[in-house]
């Protein structure tokens, strides 16, 4: 099992403390809400919670196709920054 070294802000590795939606729509981040403000569910959040994980970085399949599809999405992706955050949060340097 991976030991979480830093404070986890989200399931997928997004830094909620740096996200503009925190103020714009009063988003508390996926670790503190039952469903995202943008829809009924998030497949990454659901996957982590079904596996009883804090974030994707704890998963034996990290980084999986699902996380990669979010991290490198043409419109909403962050060029893999969230993957790097998960690595850092879980000591997977």
N, C-alpha and C. Protein backbone atom coordinates (compact mmCIF):
# COMPACT_ATOMS: atom_id res chain seq x y z
N UNK A 1 0.83 -1.18 0.00
CA UNK A 1 0.00 0.00 0.00
C UNK A 1 0.88 1.25 0.00
N UNK A 2 0.43 2.26 -0.72
CA UNK A 2 1.15 3.53 -0.81
C UNK A 2 0.79 4.40 0.39
N UNK A 3 1.76 5.02 0.99
CA UNK A 3 1.51 5.91 2.13
C UNK A 3 1.37 7.34 1.61
N UNK A 4 0.28 7.98 1.96
CA UNK A 4 0.05 9.36 1.55
C UNK A 4 0.94 10.27 2.39
N UNK A 5 1.78 11.06 1.70
CA UNK A 5 2.74 11.92 2.38
C UNK A 5 2.25 13.36 2.51
N UNK A 6 1.47 13.83 1.53
CA UNK A 6 1.00 15.21 1.54
C UNK A 6 -0.52 15.23 1.58
N UNK A 7 -1.09 16.38 1.85
CA UNK A 7 -2.53 16.53 1.91
C UNK A 7 -3.14 16.31 0.52
N UNK A 8 -4.05 15.38 0.44
CA UNK A 8 -4.76 15.09 -0.80
C UNK A 8 -5.87 16.12 -0.96
N UNK A 9 -5.94 16.78 -2.12
CA UNK A 9 -6.96 17.79 -2.36
C UNK A 9 -8.11 17.26 -3.21
N UNK A 10 -7.87 16.22 -3.99
CA UNK A 10 -8.90 15.68 -4.87
C UNK A 10 -8.59 14.21 -5.15
N UNK A 11 -9.52 13.51 -5.73
CA UNK A 11 -9.29 12.11 -6.09
C UNK A 11 -8.33 12.00 -7.27
N UNK A 12 -8.47 12.89 -8.25
CA UNK A 12 -7.70 12.77 -9.50
C UNK A 12 -6.38 13.53 -9.50
N UNK A 13 -6.14 14.37 -8.50
CA UNK A 13 -4.89 15.11 -8.46
C UNK A 13 -5.02 16.59 -8.77
N UNK A 14 -6.22 17.07 -9.05
CA UNK A 14 -6.41 18.50 -9.24
C UNK A 14 -6.16 19.20 -7.91
N UNK A 15 -5.48 20.34 -7.94
CA UNK A 15 -5.26 21.13 -6.74
C UNK A 15 -6.45 22.07 -6.56
N UNK A 16 -7.38 21.65 -5.75
CA UNK A 16 -8.60 22.43 -5.51
C UNK A 16 -8.29 23.82 -4.97
N UNK A 17 -7.24 23.94 -4.17
CA UNK A 17 -6.88 25.23 -3.59
C UNK A 17 -6.47 26.25 -4.64
N UNK A 18 -6.17 25.79 -5.85
CA UNK A 18 -5.77 26.68 -6.93
C UNK A 18 -6.83 26.78 -8.03
N UNK A 19 -7.99 26.20 -7.82
CA UNK A 19 -9.03 26.13 -8.85
C UNK A 19 -10.01 27.30 -8.72
N UNK A 20 -10.32 27.94 -9.83
CA UNK A 20 -11.23 29.08 -9.82
C UNK A 20 -12.66 28.69 -9.50
N UNK A 21 -13.03 27.43 -9.67
CA UNK A 21 -14.39 27.00 -9.34
C UNK A 21 -14.65 27.01 -7.84
N UNK A 22 -13.60 27.01 -7.05
CA UNK A 22 -13.76 27.05 -5.60
C UNK A 22 -14.55 28.30 -5.19
N UNK A 23 -14.22 29.43 -5.79
CA UNK A 23 -14.94 30.67 -5.49
C UNK A 23 -16.16 30.87 -6.39
N UNK A 24 -16.02 30.56 -7.67
CA UNK A 24 -17.09 30.83 -8.63
C UNK A 24 -18.38 30.06 -8.33
N UNK A 25 -18.28 28.81 -7.96
CA UNK A 25 -19.48 28.00 -7.72
C UNK A 25 -19.48 27.38 -6.33
N UNK A 26 -18.60 27.88 -5.45
CA UNK A 26 -18.49 27.39 -4.08
C UNK A 26 -18.22 25.88 -4.03
N UNK A 27 -17.36 25.41 -4.91
CA UNK A 27 -17.00 24.00 -4.94
C UNK A 27 -16.10 23.68 -3.75
N UNK A 28 -16.41 22.63 -3.05
CA UNK A 28 -15.63 22.21 -1.88
C UNK A 28 -14.60 21.13 -2.24
N UNK A 29 -14.60 20.68 -3.48
CA UNK A 29 -13.69 19.63 -3.90
C UNK A 29 -14.31 18.26 -3.71
N UNK A 30 -13.92 17.33 -4.54
CA UNK A 30 -14.58 16.01 -4.57
C UNK A 30 -14.40 15.19 -3.30
N UNK A 31 -13.39 15.51 -2.50
CA UNK A 31 -13.23 14.76 -1.25
C UNK A 31 -14.22 15.21 -0.18
N UNK A 32 -14.96 16.31 -0.46
CA UNK A 32 -15.89 16.87 0.53
C UNK A 32 -17.33 16.96 0.03
N UNK A 33 -17.62 16.43 -1.15
CA UNK A 33 -18.97 16.51 -1.71
C UNK A 33 -19.41 15.15 -2.21
N UNK A 34 -20.71 14.97 -2.35
CA UNK A 34 -21.21 13.69 -2.85
C UNK A 34 -21.25 13.63 -4.37
N UNK A 35 -21.48 14.78 -5.02
CA UNK A 35 -21.45 14.81 -6.48
C UNK A 35 -20.86 16.14 -6.95
N UNK A 36 -20.23 16.15 -8.11
CA UNK A 36 -19.60 17.38 -8.60
C UNK A 36 -20.64 18.41 -9.03
N UNK A 37 -20.25 19.68 -9.00
CA UNK A 37 -21.15 20.75 -9.41
C UNK A 37 -21.49 20.67 -10.90
N UNK A 38 -20.66 20.00 -11.68
CA UNK A 38 -20.81 19.98 -13.13
C UNK A 38 -21.62 18.79 -13.65
N UNK A 39 -22.07 17.92 -12.78
CA UNK A 39 -22.85 16.77 -13.24
C UNK A 39 -23.25 15.85 -12.11
N UNK A 40 -23.85 14.76 -12.48
CA UNK A 40 -24.34 13.80 -11.49
C UNK A 40 -23.23 13.00 -10.81
N UNK A 41 -22.18 12.70 -11.56
CA UNK A 41 -21.09 11.92 -10.98
C UNK A 41 -19.80 12.14 -11.76
N UNK A 42 -18.71 11.79 -11.14
CA UNK A 42 -17.39 11.83 -11.79
C UNK A 42 -16.85 10.41 -11.76
N UNK A 43 -16.50 9.87 -12.92
CA UNK A 43 -16.01 8.49 -12.94
C UNK A 43 -14.72 8.28 -12.15
N UNK A 44 -13.86 9.28 -12.08
CA UNK A 44 -12.61 9.14 -11.32
C UNK A 44 -12.92 9.12 -9.83
N UNK A 45 -13.74 10.03 -9.37
CA UNK A 45 -14.16 10.07 -7.96
C UNK A 45 -14.82 8.75 -7.58
N UNK A 46 -15.73 8.28 -8.42
CA UNK A 46 -16.44 7.03 -8.14
C UNK A 46 -15.48 5.85 -8.05
N UNK A 47 -14.54 5.78 -8.97
CA UNK A 47 -13.57 4.68 -8.99
C UNK A 47 -12.75 4.67 -7.70
N UNK A 48 -12.21 5.82 -7.31
CA UNK A 48 -11.41 5.90 -6.08
C UNK A 48 -12.22 5.50 -4.86
N UNK A 49 -13.42 6.01 -4.78
CA UNK A 49 -14.23 5.73 -3.60
C UNK A 49 -14.68 4.27 -3.54
N UNK A 50 -14.94 3.67 -4.70
CA UNK A 50 -15.29 2.24 -4.73
C UNK A 50 -14.13 1.38 -4.26
N UNK A 51 -12.90 1.84 -4.51
CA UNK A 51 -11.70 1.11 -4.10
C UNK A 51 -11.21 1.55 -2.72
N UNK A 52 -11.94 2.46 -2.08
CA UNK A 52 -11.60 2.99 -0.76
C UNK A 52 -10.21 3.64 -0.76
N UNK A 53 -9.95 4.46 -1.78
CA UNK A 53 -8.67 5.16 -1.92
C UNK A 53 -8.85 6.65 -1.71
N UNK A 54 -7.84 7.30 -1.18
CA UNK A 54 -7.87 8.76 -1.03
C UNK A 54 -7.76 9.44 -2.39
N UNK A 55 -6.85 8.93 -3.22
CA UNK A 55 -6.67 9.50 -4.56
C UNK A 55 -6.11 8.43 -5.49
N UNK A 56 -6.09 8.75 -6.75
CA UNK A 56 -5.63 7.79 -7.77
C UNK A 56 -4.21 7.30 -7.54
N UNK A 57 -3.38 8.12 -6.93
CA UNK A 57 -1.99 7.75 -6.68
C UNK A 57 -1.81 6.53 -5.80
N UNK A 58 -2.85 6.16 -5.06
CA UNK A 58 -2.78 4.98 -4.20
C UNK A 58 -3.13 3.69 -4.95
N UNK A 59 -3.63 3.81 -6.16
CA UNK A 59 -4.13 2.66 -6.90
C UNK A 59 -3.00 1.85 -7.55
N UNK A 60 -3.16 0.53 -7.56
CA UNK A 60 -2.16 -0.34 -8.18
C UNK A 60 -2.15 -0.19 -9.70
N UNK A 61 -3.19 0.40 -10.27
CA UNK A 61 -3.28 0.59 -11.72
C UNK A 61 -2.89 2.01 -12.14
N UNK A 62 -2.37 2.79 -11.22
CA UNK A 62 -2.00 4.19 -11.47
C UNK A 62 -0.82 4.31 -12.41
N UNK A 63 -0.87 5.23 -13.35
CA UNK A 63 -2.02 5.97 -13.84
C UNK A 63 -2.78 5.15 -14.88
N UNK A 64 -4.05 5.00 -14.69
CA UNK A 64 -4.88 4.19 -15.58
C UNK A 64 -5.36 4.99 -16.79
N UNK A 65 -6.02 4.31 -17.71
CA UNK A 65 -6.54 4.96 -18.91
C UNK A 65 -7.56 6.04 -18.56
N UNK A 66 -8.39 5.79 -17.55
CA UNK A 66 -9.40 6.77 -17.16
C UNK A 66 -8.74 8.06 -16.68
N UNK A 67 -7.77 7.95 -15.78
CA UNK A 67 -7.09 9.14 -15.29
C UNK A 67 -6.35 9.85 -16.42
N UNK A 68 -5.67 9.09 -17.27
CA UNK A 68 -4.96 9.69 -18.40
C UNK A 68 -5.91 10.43 -19.33
N UNK A 69 -7.12 9.88 -19.53
CA UNK A 69 -8.07 10.55 -20.42
C UNK A 69 -8.50 11.89 -19.85
N UNK A 70 -8.60 12.00 -18.53
CA UNK A 70 -8.93 13.28 -17.91
C UNK A 70 -7.72 14.22 -17.93
N UNK A 71 -6.56 13.72 -17.59
CA UNK A 71 -5.36 14.54 -17.49
C UNK A 71 -4.93 15.13 -18.83
N UNK A 72 -5.19 14.41 -19.90
CA UNK A 72 -4.75 14.86 -21.22
C UNK A 72 -5.91 15.21 -22.14
N UNK A 73 -7.09 15.47 -21.57
CA UNK A 73 -8.24 15.88 -22.35
C UNK A 73 -7.92 17.21 -23.06
N UNK A 74 -8.33 17.31 -24.31
CA UNK A 74 -8.02 18.48 -25.12
C UNK A 74 -8.56 19.78 -24.52
N UNK A 75 -9.75 19.73 -23.93
CA UNK A 75 -10.38 20.95 -23.41
C UNK A 75 -10.21 21.13 -21.90
N UNK A 76 -10.30 20.06 -21.13
CA UNK A 76 -10.28 20.18 -19.67
C UNK A 76 -9.02 19.62 -19.01
N UNK A 77 -8.13 19.07 -19.80
CA UNK A 77 -6.92 18.46 -19.24
C UNK A 77 -5.91 19.47 -18.74
N UNK A 78 -4.89 18.96 -18.08
CA UNK A 78 -3.84 19.82 -17.53
C UNK A 78 -2.45 19.32 -17.91
N UNK A 79 -2.38 18.57 -19.01
CA UNK A 79 -1.10 18.06 -19.51
C UNK A 79 -0.39 17.15 -18.51
N UNK A 80 -1.17 16.45 -17.71
CA UNK A 80 -0.59 15.49 -16.77
C UNK A 80 -0.22 16.03 -15.41
N UNK A 81 -0.49 17.31 -15.15
CA UNK A 81 -0.15 17.89 -13.85
C UNK A 81 -0.83 17.15 -12.71
N UNK A 82 -2.09 16.75 -12.90
CA UNK A 82 -2.81 16.05 -11.83
C UNK A 82 -2.16 14.70 -11.53
N UNK A 83 -1.59 14.06 -12.54
CA UNK A 83 -0.89 12.79 -12.32
C UNK A 83 0.36 13.03 -11.47
N UNK A 84 1.07 14.09 -11.78
CA UNK A 84 2.26 14.44 -10.99
C UNK A 84 1.87 14.77 -9.56
N UNK A 85 0.74 15.46 -9.37
CA UNK A 85 0.28 15.77 -8.02
C UNK A 85 -0.02 14.48 -7.24
N UNK A 86 -0.70 13.54 -7.88
CA UNK A 86 -0.99 12.26 -7.22
C UNK A 86 0.31 11.55 -6.82
N UNK A 87 1.28 11.58 -7.70
CA UNK A 87 2.59 10.98 -7.39
C UNK A 87 3.19 11.63 -6.15
N UNK A 88 3.16 12.94 -6.13
CA UNK A 88 3.73 13.68 -5.00
C UNK A 88 2.97 13.41 -3.71
N UNK A 89 1.64 13.45 -3.77
CA UNK A 89 0.82 13.22 -2.58
C UNK A 89 1.07 11.84 -1.98
N UNK A 90 1.40 10.87 -2.84
CA UNK A 90 1.53 9.48 -2.38
C UNK A 90 2.97 8.98 -2.33
N UNK A 91 3.92 9.87 -2.51
CA UNK A 91 5.32 9.49 -2.40
C UNK A 91 5.79 8.58 -3.52
N UNK A 92 5.27 8.77 -4.71
CA UNK A 92 5.66 7.97 -5.88
C UNK A 92 6.61 8.74 -6.76
N UNK A 93 7.56 9.39 -6.20
CA UNK A 93 8.49 10.23 -6.94
C UNK A 93 9.19 9.49 -8.03
